[in-house]
């Protein structure tokens, strides 16, 4: 599927009517979701036929997109029942049968429950700018414990050096695949502007190859 056509489909995904500020519910914009997923599949082949986890899936734009790119199964994890209901409605609208949802608080999920059960983890995590400081890296760490292949995530560009240090501590590889502008629409009453552009990095976290994976 061509990128422009793919983005056109994702523009039809319904989003929050009443986003919840405490959960930092900002929907992933269709042009960003399309480019993320298209890159993951075209450059790394880590969606088609894979078991995908979408962390903090919200209304499900990444889950819907991954399913359209023929993921074996995409599981959307979110704490909010209302968001998961919209996600399920979106999947019904697109007649997708390869998406499931799990309601849970990812910050309290024991990693052993899903230890290396997923192939790929995708996410647009809460940036932790208001009430949830550090939650984005909690999501990434959990993703690395659950994923066999890679974790793909969006993070504020201003936090890049901090994230690189975390990746080094965890012994994982980090690649900034793209620098994007995340245009946040005015979603809450305290917003003074119709939209605000935030610079974000699209990052791939992956595991170093073990020596045993190479032939002698």
C-alpha atoms as a PDB file:
ATOM      1  CA  UNK A   1       0.000   0.000   0.000  1.00  0.00           C
ATOM      2  CA  UNK A   2       1.348   3.417  -0.946  1.00  0.00           C
ATOM      3  CA  UNK A   3       2.033   5.819   1.903  1.00  0.00           C
ATOM      4  CA  UNK A   4      -0.440   8.474   0.733  1.00  0.00           C
ATOM      5  CA  UNK A   5      -3.236   5.911   0.380  1.00  0.00           C
ATOM      6  CA  UNK A   6      -2.382   4.472   3.795  1.00  0.00           C
ATOM      7  CA  UNK A   7      -2.531   7.911   5.425  1.00  0.00           C
ATOM      8  CA  UNK A   8      -5.898   8.514   3.774  1.00  0.00           C
ATOM      9  CA  UNK A   9      -7.330   5.425   5.466  1.00  0.00           C
ATOM     10  CA  UNK A  10      -5.949   6.438   8.855  1.00  0.00           C
ATOM     11  CA  UNK A  11      -7.577   9.864   8.556  1.00  0.00           C
ATOM     12  CA  UNK A  12     -10.903   8.042   8.930  1.00  0.00           C
ATOM     13  CA  UNK A  13     -10.048   6.688  12.399  1.00  0.00           C
ATOM     14  CA  UNK A  14     -12.255   8.235  15.082  1.00  0.00           C
ATOM     15  CA  UNK A  15     -10.572   9.975  18.049  1.00  0.00           C
ATOM     16  CA  UNK A  16     -11.576  11.166  21.527  1.00  0.00           C
ATOM     17  CA  UNK A  17     -14.635  13.363  21.976  1.00  0.00           C
ATOM     18  CA  UNK A  18     -13.593  14.193  25.543  1.00  0.00           C
ATOM     19  CA  UNK A  19      -9.884  13.468  26.113  1.00  0.00           C
ATOM     20  CA  UNK A  20      -8.721  13.006  29.706  1.00  0.00           C
ATOM     21  CA  UNK A  21      -5.928  15.348  30.722  1.00  0.00           C
ATOM     22  CA  UNK A  22      -4.588  13.122  33.515  1.00  0.00           C
ATOM     23  CA  UNK A  23      -3.949  10.389  30.919  1.00  0.00           C
ATOM     24  CA  UNK A  24      -2.378  12.852  28.441  1.00  0.00           C
ATOM     25  CA  UNK A  25      -4.785  11.715  25.742  1.00  0.00           C
ATOM     26  CA  UNK A  26      -3.490  13.355  22.591  1.00  0.00           C
ATOM     27  CA  UNK A  27      -4.318  11.317  19.473  1.00  0.00           C
ATOM     28  CA  UNK A  28      -1.478  10.366  17.151  1.00  0.00           C
ATOM     29  CA  UNK A  29      -1.945  12.349  13.947  1.00  0.00           C
ATOM     30  CA  UNK A  30      -2.626  10.250  10.806  1.00  0.00           C
ATOM     31  CA  UNK A  31       0.419  11.519   8.894  1.00  0.00           C
ATOM     32  CA  UNK A  32       2.725  10.559  11.777  1.00  0.00           C
ATOM     33  CA  UNK A  33       1.058   7.176  12.359  1.00  0.00           C
ATOM     34  CA  UNK A  34       1.262   6.361   8.651  1.00  0.00           C
ATOM     35  CA  UNK A  35       4.950   7.237   8.414  1.00  0.00           C
ATOM     36  CA  UNK A  36       5.811   5.337  11.591  1.00  0.00           C
ATOM     37  CA  UNK A  37       4.120   2.131  10.504  1.00  0.00           C
ATOM     38  CA  UNK A  38       5.180   2.370   6.868  1.00  0.00           C
ATOM     39  CA  UNK A  39       8.821   2.747   7.965  1.00  0.00           C
ATOM     40  CA  UNK A  40       8.621  -0.152  10.437  1.00  0.00           C
ATOM     41  CA  UNK A  41       7.298  -2.484   7.754  1.00  0.00           C
ATOM     42  CA  UNK A  42       9.183  -1.280   4.671  1.00  0.00           C
ATOM     43  CA  UNK A  43      12.577  -0.871   6.366  1.00  0.00           C
ATOM     44  CA  UNK A  44      12.510  -3.644   8.982  1.00  0.00           C
ATOM     45  CA  UNK A  45       9.643  -6.003   8.103  1.00  0.00           C
ATOM     46  CA  UNK A  46       8.486  -6.031  11.727  1.00  0.00           C
ATOM     47  CA  UNK A  47       4.718  -5.759  11.303  1.00  0.00           C
ATOM     48  CA  UNK A  48       3.418  -8.186   8.672  1.00  0.00           C
ATOM     49  CA  UNK A  49       2.804 -11.600  10.231  1.00  0.00           C
ATOM     50  CA  UNK A  50       4.061 -10.395  13.623  1.00  0.00           C
ATOM     51  CA  UNK A  51       2.456 -10.273  17.054  1.00  0.00           C
ATOM     52  CA  UNK A  52       2.324  -6.542  17.808  1.00  0.00           C
ATOM     53  CA  UNK A  53       1.772  -4.760  21.121  1.00  0.00           C
ATOM     54  CA  UNK A  54       0.431  -1.196  20.945  1.00  0.00           C
ATOM     55  CA  UNK A  55       1.143   0.411  24.338  1.00  0.00           C
ATOM     56  CA  UNK A  56      -1.247   3.166  25.411  1.00  0.00           C
ATOM     57  CA  UNK A  57      -3.202   2.503  22.237  1.00  0.00           C
ATOM     58  CA  UNK A  58      -5.895   5.110  22.912  1.00  0.00           C
ATOM     59  CA  UNK A  59      -8.399   5.158  20.060  1.00  0.00           C
ATOM     60  CA  UNK A  60      -6.286   2.659  18.171  1.00  0.00           C
ATOM     61  CA  UNK A  61      -4.819   4.435  15.163  1.00  0.00           C
ATOM     62  CA  UNK A  62      -1.537   2.490  15.412  1.00  0.00           C
ATOM     63  CA  UNK A  63      -3.393  -0.772  16.014  1.00  0.00           C
ATOM     64  CA  UNK A  64      -5.673  -0.156  13.039  1.00  0.00           C
ATOM     65  CA  UNK A  65      -2.699   0.740  10.851  1.00  0.00           C
ATOM     66  CA  UNK A  66      -0.689  -2.302  11.933  1.00  0.00           C
ATOM     67  CA  UNK A  67      -3.683  -4.538  11.240  1.00  0.00           C
ATOM     68  CA  UNK A  68      -4.046  -3.011   7.775  1.00  0.00           C
ATOM     69  CA  UNK A  69      -0.373  -3.848   7.148  1.00  0.00           C
ATOM     70  CA  UNK A  70      -1.252  -7.490   7.883  1.00  0.00           C
ATOM     71  CA  UNK A  71       0.023  -7.908  11.415  1.00  0.00           C
ATOM     72  CA  UNK A  72      -0.628 -11.449  12.578  1.00  0.00           C
ATOM     73  CA  UNK A  73      -2.343  -9.937  15.610  1.00  0.00           C
ATOM     74  CA  UNK A  74      -2.147  -6.500  17.208  1.00  0.00           C
ATOM     75  CA  UNK A  75      -2.978  -6.172  20.902  1.00  0.00           C
ATOM     76  CA  UNK A  76      -3.855  -2.682  22.098  1.00  0.00           C
ATOM     77  CA  UNK A  77      -3.088  -2.037  25.787  1.00  0.00           C
ATOM     78  CA  UNK A  78      -4.686   0.935  27.543  1.00  0.00           C
ATOM     79  CA  UNK A  79      -5.849   1.905  31.026  1.00  0.00           C
ATOM     80  CA  UNK A  80      -8.959   3.712  29.762  1.00  0.00           C
ATOM     81  CA  UNK A  81     -12.100   1.703  29.007  1.00  0.00           C
ATOM     82  CA  UNK A  82     -13.602   4.581  27.002  1.00  0.00           C
ATOM     83  CA  UNK A  83     -10.562   4.739  24.719  1.00  0.00           C
ATOM     84  CA  UNK A  84     -10.640   0.979  24.177  1.00  0.00           C
ATOM     85  CA  UNK A  85     -14.310   1.164  23.229  1.00  0.00           C
ATOM     86  CA  UNK A  86     -13.476   3.725  20.518  1.00  0.00           C
ATOM     87  CA  UNK A  87     -10.592   1.494  19.415  1.00  0.00           C
ATOM     88  CA  UNK A  88     -12.934  -1.478  19.045  1.00  0.00           C
ATOM     89  CA  UNK A  89     -15.453   0.641  17.128  1.00  0.00           C
ATOM     90  CA  UNK A  90     -12.695   1.740  14.753  1.00  0.00           C
ATOM     91  CA  UNK A  91     -11.704  -1.871  14.151  1.00  0.00           C
ATOM     92  CA  UNK A  92     -15.341  -2.761  13.459  1.00  0.00           C
ATOM     93  CA  UNK A  93     -15.629   0.120  10.985  1.00  0.00           C
ATOM     94  CA  UNK A  94     -12.586  -1.153   9.076  1.00  0.00           C
ATOM     95  CA  UNK A  95     -13.780  -4.780   9.452  1.00  0.00           C
ATOM     96  CA  UNK A  96     -10.480  -5.765  11.081  1.00  0.00           C
ATOM     97  CA  UNK A  97     -10.374  -9.094  12.884  1.00  0.00           C
ATOM     98  CA  UNK A  98      -6.679  -9.126  13.800  1.00  0.00           C
ATOM     99  CA  UNK A  99      -6.881  -6.604  16.670  1.00  0.00           C
ATOM    100  CA  UNK A 100      -7.528  -7.396  20.324  1.00  0.00           C
ATOM    101  CA  UNK A 101      -7.524  -5.106  23.358  1.00  0.00           C
ATOM    102  CA  UNK A 102      -6.410  -5.411  26.980  1.00  0.00           C
ATOM    103  CA  UNK A 103      -7.444  -2.940  29.671  1.00  0.00           C
ATOM    104  CA  UNK A 104      -4.610  -2.547  32.161  1.00  0.00           C
ATOM    105  CA  UNK A 105      -2.257  -0.072  33.819  1.00  0.00           C
ATOM    106  CA  UNK A 106       1.022  -0.693  32.014  1.00  0.00           C
ATOM    107  CA  UNK A 107       2.994   0.879  34.868  1.00  0.00           C
ATOM    108  CA  UNK A 108       1.911  -1.949  37.203  1.00  0.00           C
ATOM    109  CA  UNK A 109       1.866  -4.940  34.823  1.00  0.00           C
ATOM    110  CA  UNK A 110       4.362  -7.648  35.890  1.00  0.00           C
ATOM    111  CA  UNK A 111       6.701  -8.033  32.890  1.00  0.00           C
ATOM    112  CA  UNK A 112       6.764 -11.797  33.461  1.00  0.00           C
ATOM    113  CA  UNK A 113       3.154 -11.995  32.244  1.00  0.00           C
ATOM    114  CA  UNK A 114       4.251 -11.106  28.706  1.00  0.00           C
ATOM    115  CA  UNK A 115       7.996 -11.805  28.875  1.00  0.00           C
ATOM    116  CA  UNK A 116       9.220 -11.963  25.244  1.00  0.00           C
ATOM    117  CA  UNK A 117       5.699 -12.871  24.124  1.00  0.00           C
ATOM    118  CA  UNK A 118       5.412 -10.044  21.562  1.00  0.00           C
ATOM    119  CA  UNK A 119       7.442  -9.643  18.386  1.00  0.00           C
ATOM    120  CA  UNK A 120       7.258  -5.860  18.074  1.00  0.00           C
ATOM    121  CA  UNK A 121       6.031  -3.094  20.375  1.00  0.00           C
ATOM    122  CA  UNK A 122       4.773   0.216  18.958  1.00  0.00           C
ATOM    123  CA  UNK A 123       3.687   3.241  20.958  1.00  0.00           C
ATOM    124  CA  UNK A 124       3.039   6.923  21.284  1.00  0.00           C
ATOM    125  CA  UNK A 125       3.467   7.001  25.063  1.00  0.00           C
ATOM    126  CA  UNK A 126       2.443   9.808  27.420  1.00  0.00           C
ATOM    127  CA  UNK A 127       5.354  12.239  27.404  1.00  0.00           C
ATOM    128  CA  UNK A 128       5.067  12.683  31.154  1.00  0.00           C
ATOM    129  CA  UNK A 129       5.055  16.456  30.965  1.00  0.00           C
ATOM    130  CA  UNK A 130       2.149  17.152  33.330  1.00  0.00           C
ATOM    131  CA  UNK A 131       1.463  14.504  35.944  1.00  0.00           C
ATOM    132  CA  UNK A 132       3.327  11.379  34.869  1.00  0.00           C
ATOM    133  CA  UNK A 133       7.035  12.211  34.905  1.00  0.00           C
ATOM    134  CA  UNK A 134       9.141   9.382  33.475  1.00  0.00           C
ATOM    135  CA  UNK A 135       6.157   7.357  32.292  1.00  0.00           C
ATOM    136  CA  UNK A 136       7.392   7.293  28.679  1.00  0.00           C
ATOM    137  CA  UNK A 137      10.542   5.430  29.722  1.00  0.00           C
ATOM    138  CA  UNK A 138       8.497   3.082  31.921  1.00  0.00           C
ATOM    139  CA  UNK A 139       6.553   2.143  28.787  1.00  0.00           C
ATOM    140  CA  UNK A 140       9.773   1.638  26.797  1.00  0.00           C
ATOM    141  CA  UNK A 141      11.396  -0.513  29.496  1.00  0.00           C
ATOM    142  CA  UNK A 142       8.306  -2.706  29.679  1.00  0.00           C
ATOM    143  CA  UNK A 143       8.245  -2.943  25.889  1.00  0.00           C
ATOM    144  CA  UNK A 144      11.850  -4.128  25.846  1.00  0.00           C
ATOM    145  CA  UNK A 145      10.968  -6.827  28.371  1.00  0.00           C
ATOM    146  CA  UNK A 146       8.003  -8.000  26.296  1.00  0.00           C
ATOM    147  CA  UNK A 147       9.368  -7.687  22.744  1.00  0.00           C
ATOM    148  CA  UNK A 148      11.512 -10.209  20.898  1.00  0.00           C
ATOM    149  CA  UNK A 149      12.497  -7.870  18.057  1.00  0.00           C
ATOM    150  CA  UNK A 150      12.172  -4.108  18.546  1.00  0.00           C
ATOM    151  CA  UNK A 151      10.340  -1.277  20.273  1.00  0.00           C
ATOM    152  CA  UNK A 152       9.265   1.776  18.266  1.00  0.00           C
ATOM    153  CA  UNK A 153       8.265   4.931  20.110  1.00  0.00           C
ATOM    154  CA  UNK A 154       7.791   8.700  19.907  1.00  0.00           C
ATOM    155  CA  UNK A 155       9.583  11.008  22.345  1.00  0.00           C
ATOM    156  CA  UNK A 156      10.146  14.725  22.683  1.00  0.00           C
ATOM    157  CA  UNK A 157      13.350  15.664  20.866  1.00  0.00           C
ATOM    158  CA  UNK A 158      14.413  17.683  23.915  1.00  0.00           C
ATOM    159  CA  UNK A 159      14.736  14.412  25.877  1.00  0.00           C
ATOM    160  CA  UNK A 160      16.934  12.640  23.289  1.00  0.00           C
ATOM    161  CA  UNK A 161      20.167  12.663  25.295  1.00  0.00           C
ATOM    162  CA  UNK A 162      18.383  11.372  28.400  1.00  0.00           C
ATOM    163  CA  UNK A 163      16.857   8.544  26.365  1.00  0.00           C
ATOM    164  CA  UNK A 164      20.227   7.642  24.857  1.00  0.00           C
ATOM    165  CA  UNK A 165      21.688   7.355  28.364  1.00  0.00           C
ATOM    166  CA  UNK A 166      18.813   5.108  29.436  1.00  0.00           C
ATOM    167  CA  UNK A 167      19.307   2.880  26.396  1.00  0.00           C
ATOM    168  CA  UNK A 168      23.010   2.584  27.221  1.00  0.00           C
ATOM    169  CA  UNK A 169      22.170   1.618  30.827  1.00  0.00           C
ATOM    170  CA  UNK A 170      19.781  -1.058  29.557  1.00  0.00           C
ATOM    171  CA  UNK A 171      22.280  -2.377  27.003  1.00  0.00           C
ATOM    172  CA  UNK A 172      20.031  -1.836  23.979  1.00  0.00           C
ATOM    173  CA  UNK A 173      20.589  -0.156  20.633  1.00  0.00           C
ATOM    174  CA  UNK A 174      18.855   3.127  19.833  1.00  0.00           C
ATOM    175  CA  UNK A 175      18.274   4.724  16.433  1.00  0.00           C
ATOM    176  CA  UNK A 176      16.519   8.028  15.768  1.00  0.00           C
ATOM    177  CA  UNK A 177      14.671   7.131  12.580  1.00  0.00           C
ATOM    178  CA  UNK A 178      13.096  10.545  11.992  1.00  0.00           C
ATOM    179  CA  UNK A 179      12.555  13.969  13.509  1.00  0.00           C
ATOM    180  CA  UNK A 180       8.897  14.913  13.268  1.00  0.00           C
ATOM    181  CA  UNK A 181       6.603  17.767  14.171  1.00  0.00           C
ATOM    182  CA  UNK A 182       3.761  16.584  16.364  1.00  0.00           C
ATOM    183  CA  UNK A 183       0.977  19.125  15.890  1.00  0.00           C
ATOM    184  CA  UNK A 184      -1.108  18.984  19.035  1.00  0.00           C
ATOM    185  CA  UNK A 185      -4.597  20.383  18.461  1.00  0.00           C
ATOM    186  CA  UNK A 186      -6.256  22.408  21.175  1.00  0.00           C
ATOM    187  CA  UNK A 187      -7.887  19.616  23.184  1.00  0.00           C
ATOM    188  CA  UNK A 188      -8.322  21.105  26.637  1.00  0.00           C
ATOM    189  CA  UNK A 189      -9.832  24.300  28.036  1.00  0.00           C
ATOM    190  CA  UNK A 190      -6.503  25.642  29.277  1.00  0.00           C
ATOM    191  CA  UNK A 191      -4.972  25.604  25.769  1.00  0.00           C
ATOM    192  CA  UNK A 192      -4.550  29.159  24.484  1.00  0.00           C
ATOM    193  CA  UNK A 193      -3.650  28.284  20.874  1.00  0.00           C
ATOM    194  CA  UNK A 194      -5.527  26.262  18.264  1.00  0.00           C
ATOM    195  CA  UNK A 195      -2.521  23.967  17.906  1.00  0.00           C
ATOM    196  CA  UNK A 196       1.081  23.674  19.064  1.00  0.00           C
ATOM    197  CA  UNK A 197       3.950  22.024  17.219  1.00  0.00           C
ATOM    198  CA  UNK A 198       6.218  19.831  19.341  1.00  0.00           C
ATOM    199  CA  UNK A 199       9.446  18.392  17.953  1.00  0.00           C
ATOM    200  CA  UNK A 200       9.485  14.638  18.445  1.00  0.00           C
ATOM    201  CA  UNK A 201      11.878  11.811  17.635  1.00  0.00           C
ATOM    202  CA  UNK A 202      10.688   8.569  16.123  1.00  0.00           C
ATOM    203  CA  UNK A 203      12.973   6.045  17.828  1.00  0.00           C
ATOM    204  CA  UNK A 204      13.743   2.367  17.327  1.00  0.00           C
ATOM    205  CA  UNK A 205      15.083   0.395  20.288  1.00  0.00           C
ATOM    206  CA  UNK A 206      16.574  -2.988  19.421  1.00  0.00           C
ATOM    207  CA  UNK A 207      18.690  -5.710  20.960  1.00  0.00           C
ATOM    208  CA  UNK A 208      22.383  -6.312  20.267  1.00  0.00           C
ATOM    209  CA  UNK A 209      22.965  -9.511  18.324  1.00  0.00           C
ATOM    210  CA  UNK A 210      24.428 -12.266  20.463  1.00  0.00           C
ATOM    211  CA  UNK A 211      27.638 -13.918  19.207  1.00  0.00           C
ATOM    212  CA  UNK A 212      25.791 -17.248  19.049  1.00  0.00           C
ATOM    213  CA  UNK A 213      23.510 -15.838  16.324  1.00  0.00           C
ATOM    214  CA  UNK A 214      26.459 -15.718  13.918  1.00  0.00           C
ATOM    215  CA  UNK A 215      27.699 -18.880  12.203  1.00  0.00           C
ATOM    216  CA  UNK A 216      31.217 -20.001  13.201  1.00  0.00           C
END
